[in-house]
């Protein structure tokens, strides 16, 4: 954000000029109710043009009901489990789906074996949380 602002901000085509970023930070204390309240606050009272959501599937899922109500773009760096996102029309997920993360990880390890960087017969342990996210990861 500092780098973009040092260059004059983000070019906004509609007004034909560059505008600086202004950040508003809140601590949701990893609490679902508080997280939803704060996202709603940023959209209704702080008049933001976009919200970067929590990095947690549980909090992101709770937040995901707010963006459509206010028509404010909501970007979630979490929610790798595709069936957790109810589908806000103004939401954007930037994390690959969990089932692809597991698959991609295994393909990567396989390529290291093929390159001779890891030995064949590799034993892999997967430690996951006991949540939908964790169970989907372990199935992938």
C-alpha atoms as a PDB file:
ATOM      1  CA  UNK A   1       0.000   0.000   0.000  1.00  0.00           C
ATOM      2  CA  UNK A   2       2.856   2.367   0.817  1.00  0.00           C
ATOM      3  CA  UNK A   3       4.495   1.637  -2.539  1.00  0.00           C
ATOM      4  CA  UNK A   4       1.270   2.282  -4.459  1.00  0.00           C
ATOM      5  CA  UNK A   5       0.578   5.491  -2.514  1.00  0.00           C
ATOM      6  CA  UNK A   6       4.170   6.653  -3.119  1.00  0.00           C
ATOM      7  CA  UNK A   7       3.392   6.402  -6.840  1.00  0.00           C
ATOM      8  CA  UNK A   8       0.290   8.548  -6.464  1.00  0.00           C
ATOM      9  CA  UNK A   9      -2.233   5.870  -5.531  1.00  0.00           C
ATOM     10  CA  UNK A  10      -4.516   3.694  -7.610  1.00  0.00           C
ATOM     11  CA  UNK A  11      -5.742   4.980 -10.952  1.00  0.00           C
ATOM     12  CA  UNK A  12      -9.542   5.170 -10.917  1.00  0.00           C
ATOM     13  CA  UNK A  13     -10.879   5.294 -14.443  1.00  0.00           C
ATOM     14  CA  UNK A  14     -14.286   6.719 -13.474  1.00  0.00           C
ATOM     15  CA  UNK A  15     -12.795   9.922 -12.088  1.00  0.00           C
ATOM     16  CA  UNK A  16      -9.685   9.944 -14.290  1.00  0.00           C
ATOM     17  CA  UNK A  17      -7.189  10.354 -11.466  1.00  0.00           C
ATOM     18  CA  UNK A  18      -5.074   8.496  -8.944  1.00  0.00           C
ATOM     19  CA  UNK A  19      -6.389   8.109  -5.419  1.00  0.00           C
ATOM     20  CA  UNK A  20      -4.357   6.999  -2.399  1.00  0.00           C
ATOM     21  CA  UNK A  21      -5.205   3.949  -0.328  1.00  0.00           C
ATOM     22  CA  UNK A  22      -6.413   4.605   3.185  1.00  0.00           C
ATOM     23  CA  UNK A  23      -6.447   1.656   5.515  1.00  0.00           C
ATOM     24  CA  UNK A  24      -8.916   1.028   8.308  1.00  0.00           C
ATOM     25  CA  UNK A  25      -7.905  -1.807  10.616  1.00  0.00           C
ATOM     26  CA  UNK A  26     -10.033  -3.553  13.218  1.00  0.00           C
ATOM     27  CA  UNK A  27      -9.260  -6.544  15.455  1.00  0.00           C
ATOM     28  CA  UNK A  28     -12.091  -9.061  15.382  1.00  0.00           C
ATOM     29  CA  UNK A  29     -10.334 -11.079  18.121  1.00  0.00           C
ATOM     30  CA  UNK A  30     -11.112 -14.219  16.087  1.00  0.00           C
ATOM     31  CA  UNK A  31     -14.749 -13.959  17.173  1.00  0.00           C
ATOM     32  CA  UNK A  32     -17.381 -14.683  14.492  1.00  0.00           C
ATOM     33  CA  UNK A  33     -19.974 -12.230  15.783  1.00  0.00           C
ATOM     34  CA  UNK A  34     -17.468  -9.428  16.212  1.00  0.00           C
ATOM     35  CA  UNK A  35     -15.969 -10.182  12.803  1.00  0.00           C
ATOM     36  CA  UNK A  36     -19.350  -9.798  11.087  1.00  0.00           C
ATOM     37  CA  UNK A  37     -20.084  -6.602  13.053  1.00  0.00           C
ATOM     38  CA  UNK A  38     -16.780  -5.058  12.002  1.00  0.00           C
ATOM     39  CA  UNK A  39     -17.199  -5.938   8.323  1.00  0.00           C
ATOM     40  CA  UNK A  40     -20.685  -4.453   8.445  1.00  0.00           C
ATOM     41  CA  UNK A  41     -19.301  -1.361  10.204  1.00  0.00           C
ATOM     42  CA  UNK A  42     -16.652  -0.805   7.533  1.00  0.00           C
ATOM     43  CA  UNK A  43     -19.279  -1.060   4.808  1.00  0.00           C
ATOM     44  CA  UNK A  44     -22.047   0.966   6.443  1.00  0.00           C
ATOM     45  CA  UNK A  45     -20.284   3.585   8.587  1.00  0.00           C
ATOM     46  CA  UNK A  46     -16.723   3.830   7.320  1.00  0.00           C
ATOM     47  CA  UNK A  47     -17.899   4.004   3.682  1.00  0.00           C
ATOM     48  CA  UNK A  48     -15.074   1.833   2.367  1.00  0.00           C
ATOM     49  CA  UNK A  49     -14.835   0.865  -1.297  1.00  0.00           C
ATOM     50  CA  UNK A  50     -13.618  -2.683  -0.521  1.00  0.00           C
ATOM     51  CA  UNK A  51     -12.967  -4.989   2.427  1.00  0.00           C
ATOM     52  CA  UNK A  52     -10.161  -7.483   2.838  1.00  0.00           C
ATOM     53  CA  UNK A  53     -11.710 -10.157   5.046  1.00  0.00           C
ATOM     54  CA  UNK A  54     -10.300 -12.378   7.767  1.00  0.00           C
ATOM     55  CA  UNK A  55      -7.747 -15.091   7.077  1.00  0.00           C
ATOM     56  CA  UNK A  56      -9.879 -17.830   8.564  1.00  0.00           C
ATOM     57  CA  UNK A  57     -12.482 -20.027   6.919  1.00  0.00           C
ATOM     58  CA  UNK A  58     -14.759 -19.820   9.958  1.00  0.00           C
ATOM     59  CA  UNK A  59     -14.613 -16.017  10.111  1.00  0.00           C
ATOM     60  CA  UNK A  60     -14.733 -15.640   6.336  1.00  0.00           C
ATOM     61  CA  UNK A  61     -17.837 -17.792   6.124  1.00  0.00           C
ATOM     62  CA  UNK A  62     -19.528 -15.629   8.754  1.00  0.00           C
ATOM     63  CA  UNK A  63     -18.473 -12.410   6.980  1.00  0.00           C
ATOM     64  CA  UNK A  64     -19.612 -13.616   3.560  1.00  0.00           C
ATOM     65  CA  UNK A  65     -23.262 -12.713   4.183  1.00  0.00           C
ATOM     66  CA  UNK A  66     -22.507  -8.983   4.459  1.00  0.00           C
ATOM     67  CA  UNK A  67     -21.078  -7.831   1.066  1.00  0.00           C
ATOM     68  CA  UNK A  68     -24.190  -8.322  -1.056  1.00  0.00           C
ATOM     69  CA  UNK A  69     -26.252  -6.306   1.399  1.00  0.00           C
ATOM     70  CA  UNK A  70     -24.017  -3.246   0.930  1.00  0.00           C
ATOM     71  CA  UNK A  71     -22.729  -3.986  -2.590  1.00  0.00           C
ATOM     72  CA  UNK A  72     -19.139  -3.499  -1.402  1.00  0.00           C
ATOM     73  CA  UNK A  73     -16.454  -5.769  -2.853  1.00  0.00           C
ATOM     74  CA  UNK A  74     -15.230  -8.261  -0.264  1.00  0.00           C
ATOM     75  CA  UNK A  75     -11.958 -10.115  -0.772  1.00  0.00           C
ATOM     76  CA  UNK A  76     -11.275 -13.162   1.350  1.00  0.00           C
ATOM     77  CA  UNK A  77      -7.763 -14.562   1.599  1.00  0.00           C
ATOM     78  CA  UNK A  78      -9.257 -17.652   3.246  1.00  0.00           C
ATOM     79  CA  UNK A  79     -12.185 -19.974   2.501  1.00  0.00           C
ATOM     80  CA  UNK A  80     -10.247 -22.666   0.705  1.00  0.00           C
ATOM     81  CA  UNK A  81     -13.190 -24.996   1.181  1.00  0.00           C
ATOM     82  CA  UNK A  82     -15.398 -24.158  -1.787  1.00  0.00           C
ATOM     83  CA  UNK A  83     -18.668 -25.290  -0.218  1.00  0.00           C
ATOM     84  CA  UNK A  84     -18.239 -22.921   2.741  1.00  0.00           C
ATOM     85  CA  UNK A  85     -18.731 -19.810   0.621  1.00  0.00           C
ATOM     86  CA  UNK A  86     -22.449 -19.072   0.175  1.00  0.00           C
ATOM     87  CA  UNK A  87     -21.621 -17.148  -2.971  1.00  0.00           C
ATOM     88  CA  UNK A  88     -21.688 -13.392  -2.478  1.00  0.00           C
ATOM     89  CA  UNK A  89     -21.990 -11.671  -5.818  1.00  0.00           C
ATOM     90  CA  UNK A  90     -19.441  -9.035  -4.802  1.00  0.00           C
ATOM     91  CA  UNK A  91     -17.013 -11.457  -3.113  1.00  0.00           C
ATOM     92  CA  UNK A  92     -13.648 -12.631  -4.363  1.00  0.00           C
ATOM     93  CA  UNK A  93     -11.712 -15.573  -2.977  1.00  0.00           C
ATOM     94  CA  UNK A  94      -7.942 -15.491  -3.508  1.00  0.00           C
ATOM     95  CA  UNK A  95      -7.072 -18.871  -1.972  1.00  0.00           C
ATOM     96  CA  UNK A  96      -7.195 -21.954  -4.149  1.00  0.00           C
ATOM     97  CA  UNK A  97      -9.830 -24.499  -3.166  1.00  0.00           C
ATOM     98  CA  UNK A  98      -8.603 -26.924  -0.502  1.00  0.00           C
ATOM     99  CA  UNK A  99      -9.044 -29.974  -2.717  1.00  0.00           C
ATOM    100  CA  UNK A 100      -6.671 -28.388  -5.250  1.00  0.00           C
ATOM    101  CA  UNK A 101      -4.169 -27.441  -2.538  1.00  0.00           C
ATOM    102  CA  UNK A 102      -3.875 -31.066  -1.423  1.00  0.00           C
ATOM    103  CA  UNK A 103      -3.621 -32.312  -5.005  1.00  0.00           C
ATOM    104  CA  UNK A 104      -1.048 -29.665  -5.927  1.00  0.00           C
ATOM    105  CA  UNK A 105       1.036 -30.436  -2.843  1.00  0.00           C
ATOM    106  CA  UNK A 106       1.153 -34.136  -3.734  1.00  0.00           C
ATOM    107  CA  UNK A 107       2.034 -33.361  -7.361  1.00  0.00           C
ATOM    108  CA  UNK A 108       4.842 -31.081  -6.161  1.00  0.00           C
ATOM    109  CA  UNK A 109       6.251 -33.790  -3.881  1.00  0.00           C
ATOM    110  CA  UNK A 110       5.992 -36.280  -6.757  1.00  0.00           C
ATOM    111  CA  UNK A 111       7.970 -33.952  -9.016  1.00  0.00           C
ATOM    112  CA  UNK A 112      10.711 -33.716  -6.367  1.00  0.00           C
ATOM    113  CA  UNK A 113      10.877 -37.518  -6.311  1.00  0.00           C
ATOM    114  CA  UNK A 114      11.042 -37.579 -10.126  1.00  0.00           C
ATOM    115  CA  UNK A 115      13.921 -35.067 -10.029  1.00  0.00           C
ATOM    116  CA  UNK A 116      15.807 -37.187  -7.502  1.00  0.00           C
ATOM    117  CA  UNK A 117      15.528 -34.525  -4.802  1.00  0.00           C
ATOM    118  CA  UNK A 118      13.451 -36.830  -2.593  1.00  0.00           C
ATOM    119  CA  UNK A 119      13.725 -40.599  -2.279  1.00  0.00           C
ATOM    120  CA  UNK A 120      11.046 -42.899  -3.680  1.00  0.00           C
ATOM    121  CA  UNK A 121       8.822 -44.605  -1.127  1.00  0.00           C
ATOM    122  CA  UNK A 122       8.270 -41.335   0.635  1.00  0.00           C
ATOM    123  CA  UNK A 123       6.110 -41.576   3.772  1.00  0.00           C
ATOM    124  CA  UNK A 124       3.853 -38.596   4.331  1.00  0.00           C
ATOM    125  CA  UNK A 125       1.938 -37.674   7.463  1.00  0.00           C
ATOM    126  CA  UNK A 126      -0.889 -35.186   7.285  1.00  0.00           C
ATOM    127  CA  UNK A 127      -1.952 -33.343  10.430  1.00  0.00           C
ATOM    128  CA  UNK A 128      -5.246 -31.499   9.936  1.00  0.00           C
ATOM    129  CA  UNK A 129      -7.744 -29.725  12.128  1.00  0.00           C
ATOM    130  CA  UNK A 130     -11.030 -31.450  12.914  1.00  0.00           C
ATOM    131  CA  UNK A 131     -13.123 -29.094  10.776  1.00  0.00           C
ATOM    132  CA  UNK A 132     -14.714 -29.286   7.325  1.00  0.00           C
ATOM    133  CA  UNK A 133     -11.592 -27.544   6.005  1.00  0.00           C
ATOM    134  CA  UNK A 134      -9.265 -30.109   7.573  1.00  0.00           C
ATOM    135  CA  UNK A 135     -11.320 -33.130   6.534  1.00  0.00           C
ATOM    136  CA  UNK A 136     -11.496 -31.905   2.915  1.00  0.00           C
ATOM    137  CA  UNK A 137      -7.733 -31.348   2.897  1.00  0.00           C
ATOM    138  CA  UNK A 138      -7.059 -34.879   4.119  1.00  0.00           C
ATOM    139  CA  UNK A 139      -9.392 -36.420   1.494  1.00  0.00           C
ATOM    140  CA  UNK A 140      -7.776 -34.534  -1.413  1.00  0.00           C
END
